[in-house]
Amino acid sequence: MSLIMKQYIGLRNATAGVLAGMACFFSAFAVAASTDLDQGIRALQDDWAVIQYKTPPNERAERFEALSVEAHALTERYRNKAEPHIWEGIILSSWAGAKGGLGALGLAKQAKAEYETAIQLDSRALDGSALNSLGVLYYKVPGWPVGFGDNKKAEALLKQALSINQDGIDPNYFYADYLVYRNRKSEAIPYLEKALKAPSRPGREVADEGRREEARALLKEAR
């Protein structure tokens, strides 16, 4: 074998070794980033549930405000992932609900922007949660000229979320809540019954318990 051929084979083997090492590095980096994102989302979910369902109402606004800072930090680290945008939006929406009044409209607009970004990135992320949450905003926020509320947009988004997660507790509950709000109570009943039968979500026990209590109360009103 010629010297040139030996040098070529050696260079080729060295290059293959470098590429393999780089592949392992980037694979390990991707796994670490995914783990960090998953842990961040779980922490936001857990803290949100405790504030929403275990904290006195007069303390929620302050707690949601603090949690929104953590949510935004996670979003900044993962701008191209839908999940942190969804959870920043949920926390901002919840803060707006706890704060109340016209002063909450700015927070609702921020939440809307986060949901819209999440939908652009991946509308099916977290079982269509951005679609569902944006739909909720559209029927909770006042319409023009005060706010951006729009019942037609709300219903379209809520139905789209249901098409992605037909058995989920949240899309069934919120579509039912929308129907009750629109005085279509009889239509809401099957969705509430389905919400109460929805499978439990691992690690979301506090949120599931709180949502079921809300569903039972709304079902009583619908009947």
Protein backbone atom coordinates (compact mmCIF):
# COMPACT_ATOMS: atom_id res chain seq x y z
CA MET A 1 0.00 0.00 0.00
CA SER A 2 1.37 3.38 -0.97
CA LEU A 3 2.28 6.01 1.59
CA ILE A 4 -0.37 8.38 0.19
CA MET A 5 -3.05 5.70 0.54
CA LYS A 6 -2.03 4.99 4.14
CA GLN A 7 -2.17 8.71 4.94
CA TYR A 8 -5.63 8.95 3.34
CA ILE A 9 -6.97 5.99 5.34
CA GLY A 10 -5.52 7.41 8.55
CA LEU A 11 -7.08 10.82 7.90
CA ARG A 12 -10.41 9.22 7.06
CA ASN A 13 -10.39 7.16 10.28
CA ALA A 14 -9.43 10.20 12.35
CA THR A 15 -12.22 12.25 10.78
CA ALA A 16 -14.72 9.47 11.46
CA GLY A 17 -13.59 9.38 15.07
CA VAL A 18 -14.02 13.15 15.47
CA LEU A 19 -17.49 13.05 13.89
CA ALA A 20 -18.51 10.15 16.12
CA GLY A 21 -17.30 12.05 19.16
CA MET A 22 -19.20 15.17 18.09
CA ALA A 23 -22.36 13.12 17.55
CA CYS A 24 -22.08 11.69 21.06
CA PHE A 25 -21.52 15.17 22.49
CA PHE A 26 -24.52 16.73 20.76
CA SER A 27 -26.67 13.72 21.63
CA ALA A 28 -25.76 14.06 25.30
CA PHE A 29 -26.38 17.83 25.10
CA ALA A 30 -29.81 17.26 23.57
CA VAL A 31 -30.73 14.77 26.30
CA ALA A 32 -29.60 17.19 29.02
CA ALA A 33 -31.58 20.05 27.46
CA SER A 34 -34.68 17.86 27.15
CA THR A 35 -34.36 16.80 30.79
CA ASP A 36 -33.96 20.42 31.92
CA LEU A 37 -37.02 21.48 29.92
CA ASP A 38 -39.14 18.60 31.22
CA GLN A 39 -38.14 19.32 34.81
CA GLY A 40 -38.87 23.01 34.33
CA ILE A 41 -42.33 22.30 32.94
CA ARG A 42 -43.13 19.87 35.76
CA ALA A 43 -42.08 22.44 38.36
CA LEU A 44 -44.32 25.10 36.78
CA GLN A 45 -47.24 22.64 36.59
CA ASP A 46 -46.85 21.66 40.24
CA ASP A 47 -46.51 25.22 41.53
CA TRP A 48 -49.42 26.43 39.41
CA ALA A 49 -51.71 23.70 40.78
CA VAL A 50 -50.81 24.52 44.37
CA ILE A 51 -51.47 28.24 43.83
CA GLN A 52 -54.69 27.66 41.87
CA TYR A 53 -56.25 25.07 44.15
CA LYS A 54 -54.51 25.17 47.52
CA THR A 55 -53.80 28.88 48.06
CA PRO A 56 -56.26 31.44 49.52
CA PRO A 57 -57.71 33.63 46.75
CA ASN A 58 -56.30 36.85 48.20
CA GLU A 59 -52.75 35.44 47.94
CA ARG A 60 -52.93 34.04 44.42
CA ALA A 61 -52.11 37.16 42.39
CA GLU A 62 -48.82 37.71 44.21
CA ARG A 63 -47.89 34.04 43.94
CA PHE A 64 -48.72 33.89 40.23
CA GLU A 65 -46.68 37.03 39.64
CA ALA A 66 -43.63 35.38 41.21
CA LEU A 67 -44.21 32.17 39.26
CA SER A 68 -44.48 34.13 36.00
CA VAL A 69 -40.84 35.20 36.46
CA GLU A 70 -39.76 31.55 36.62
CA ALA A 71 -41.91 30.71 33.61
CA HIS A 72 -40.41 33.53 31.56
CA ALA A 73 -36.89 32.40 32.42
CA LEU A 74 -37.69 28.92 31.09
CA THR A 75 -39.24 30.40 27.94
CA GLU A 76 -36.10 32.48 27.35
CA ARG A 77 -33.96 29.33 27.49
CA TYR A 78 -36.23 27.45 25.08
CA ARG A 79 -37.67 30.05 22.72
CA ASN A 80 -38.18 27.46 19.97
CA LYS A 81 -40.19 25.04 22.11
CA ALA A 82 -43.96 25.38 22.42
CA GLU A 83 -44.27 23.97 25.95
CA PRO A 84 -42.71 26.83 27.94
CA HIS A 85 -44.70 29.38 25.94
CA ILE A 86 -47.86 27.45 26.85
CA TRP A 87 -47.07 27.44 30.52
CA GLU A 88 -46.00 31.05 30.63
CA GLY A 89 -49.34 31.85 29.00
CA ILE A 90 -51.29 29.75 31.51
CA ILE A 91 -49.57 31.43 34.45
CA LEU A 92 -50.10 34.90 33.01
CA SER A 93 -53.77 34.08 32.37
CA SER A 94 -54.17 32.80 35.91
CA TRP A 95 -52.47 35.89 37.30
CA ALA A 96 -54.88 38.03 35.26
CA GLY A 97 -57.83 36.07 36.64
CA ALA A 98 -56.59 36.44 40.21
CA LYS A 99 -55.90 40.15 39.75
CA GLY A 100 -59.20 40.96 38.02
CA GLY A 101 -60.43 44.27 36.64
CA LEU A 102 -59.19 46.22 33.65
CA GLY A 103 -55.67 46.08 35.06
CA ALA A 104 -55.61 42.39 34.16
CA LEU A 105 -56.14 43.04 30.44
CA GLY A 106 -52.46 43.68 29.83
CA LEU A 107 -51.60 40.30 31.33
CA ALA A 108 -54.26 38.64 29.19
CA LYS A 109 -52.71 40.20 26.08
CA GLN A 110 -49.29 38.87 27.09
CA ALA A 111 -50.77 35.41 27.60
CA LYS A 112 -52.44 35.60 24.19
CA ALA A 113 -49.09 36.32 22.55
CA GLU A 114 -47.49 33.32 24.29
CA TYR A 115 -50.28 31.00 23.15
CA GLU A 116 -50.07 32.28 19.59
CA THR A 117 -46.32 31.67 19.55
CA ALA A 118 -46.84 28.14 20.90
CA ILE A 119 -49.42 27.41 18.20
CA GLN A 120 -47.03 28.58 15.50
CA LEU A 121 -44.29 26.32 16.90
CA ASP A 122 -46.43 23.23 17.52
CA SER A 123 -50.21 23.46 17.83
CA ARG A 124 -50.41 19.87 19.13
CA ALA A 125 -47.90 20.35 21.97
CA LEU A 126 -49.19 19.26 25.40
CA ASP A 127 -52.25 17.78 23.68
CA GLY A 128 -53.29 21.06 22.09
CA SER A 129 -53.16 23.06 25.32
CA ALA A 130 -52.30 26.33 23.56
CA LEU A 131 -55.42 26.07 21.40
CA ASN A 132 -57.56 25.30 24.44
CA SER A 133 -56.07 28.06 26.58
CA LEU A 134 -56.32 30.68 23.84
CA GLY A 135 -59.95 29.67 23.32
CA VAL A 136 -60.59 30.23 27.01
CA LEU A 137 -59.06 33.71 26.82
CA TYR A 138 -61.29 34.63 23.90
CA TYR A 139 -64.48 34.01 25.89
CA LYS A 140 -63.20 35.22 29.25
CA VAL A 141 -61.83 38.57 28.07
CA PRO A 142 -64.29 41.38 27.25
CA GLY A 143 -64.92 42.09 23.59
CA TRP A 144 -64.25 45.24 21.59
CA PRO A 145 -63.75 48.10 22.40
CA VAL A 146 -62.45 47.07 25.82
CA GLY A 147 -60.64 43.87 24.96
CA PHE A 148 -60.08 41.23 22.29
CA GLY A 149 -62.80 38.79 23.36
CA ASP A 150 -64.52 36.90 20.54
CA ASN A 151 -66.99 34.07 21.10
CA LYS A 152 -66.72 32.68 17.56
CA LYS A 153 -62.94 32.42 17.80
CA ALA A 154 -63.30 30.90 21.26
CA GLU A 155 -65.59 28.12 20.11
CA ALA A 156 -63.48 27.32 17.05
CA LEU A 157 -60.30 27.01 19.14
CA LEU A 158 -61.97 24.98 21.88
CA LYS A 159 -63.35 22.54 19.31
CA GLN A 160 -59.95 22.27 17.68
CA ALA A 161 -58.39 21.45 21.05
CA LEU A 162 -61.06 18.81 21.64
CA SER A 163 -60.30 17.20 18.30
CA ILE A 164 -56.69 16.71 19.45
CA ASN A 165 -57.46 15.53 22.99
CA GLN A 166 -61.01 14.16 22.92
CA ASP A 167 -60.86 12.43 26.31
CA GLY A 168 -58.86 15.07 28.20
CA ILE A 169 -60.23 16.66 31.34
CA ASP A 170 -59.30 20.25 30.42
CA PRO A 171 -60.67 20.50 26.86
CA ASN A 172 -63.94 18.85 27.88
CA TYR A 173 -64.31 21.02 30.98
CA PHE A 174 -63.55 24.30 29.23
CA TYR A 175 -65.76 23.63 26.24
CA ALA A 176 -68.55 22.86 28.70
CA ASP A 177 -67.76 26.04 30.62
CA TYR A 178 -68.01 27.99 27.37
CA LEU A 179 -71.38 26.39 26.59
CA VAL A 180 -72.72 27.26 30.05
CA TYR A 181 -71.45 30.82 29.60
CA ARG A 182 -73.36 30.94 26.30
CA ASN A 183 -76.48 29.64 28.07
CA ARG A 184 -76.34 26.31 26.22
CA LYS A 185 -76.40 24.32 29.42
CA SER A 186 -77.96 21.12 28.09
CA GLU A 187 -75.17 20.86 25.50
CA ALA A 188 -72.55 21.19 28.24
CA ILE A 189 -73.67 18.16 30.27
CA PRO A 190 -72.07 15.37 28.18
CA TYR A 191 -68.75 17.23 28.09
CA LEU A 192 -68.77 17.64 31.86
CA GLU A 193 -69.60 13.98 32.33
CA LYS A 194 -66.70 13.13 30.03
CA ALA A 195 -64.37 15.45 31.95
CA LEU A 196 -65.24 13.67 35.18
CA LYS A 197 -64.40 10.33 33.57
CA ALA A 198 -61.13 11.56 32.04
CA PRO A 199 -58.04 9.48 32.82
CA SER A 200 -55.82 10.79 35.59
CA ARG A 201 -52.61 12.50 34.52
CA PRO A 202 -49.46 11.16 36.22
CA GLY A 203 -47.96 13.84 38.44
CA ARG A 204 -50.96 16.14 38.01
CA GLU A 205 -52.99 14.86 40.97
CA VAL A 206 -53.61 18.28 42.54
CA ALA A 207 -54.67 19.80 39.21
CA ASP A 208 -56.93 16.85 38.39
CA GLU A 209 -58.60 16.96 41.79
CA GLY A 210 -59.21 20.69 41.51
CA ARG A 211 -60.55 20.46 37.96
CA ARG A 212 -62.93 17.64 38.90
CA GLU A 213 -64.33 19.74 41.72
CA GLU A 214 -64.94 22.56 39.25
CA ALA A 215 -66.55 20.13 36.80
CA ARG A 216 -68.89 18.73 39.46
CA ALA A 217 -69.98 22.23 40.46
CA LEU A 218 -70.56 23.25 36.84
CA LEU A 219 -72.48 20.03 36.13
CA LYS A 220 -74.78 20.81 39.04
CA GLU A 221 -75.41 24.27 37.56
CA ALA A 222 -75.96 22.88 34.06
CA ARG A 223 -78.57 20.41 35.29
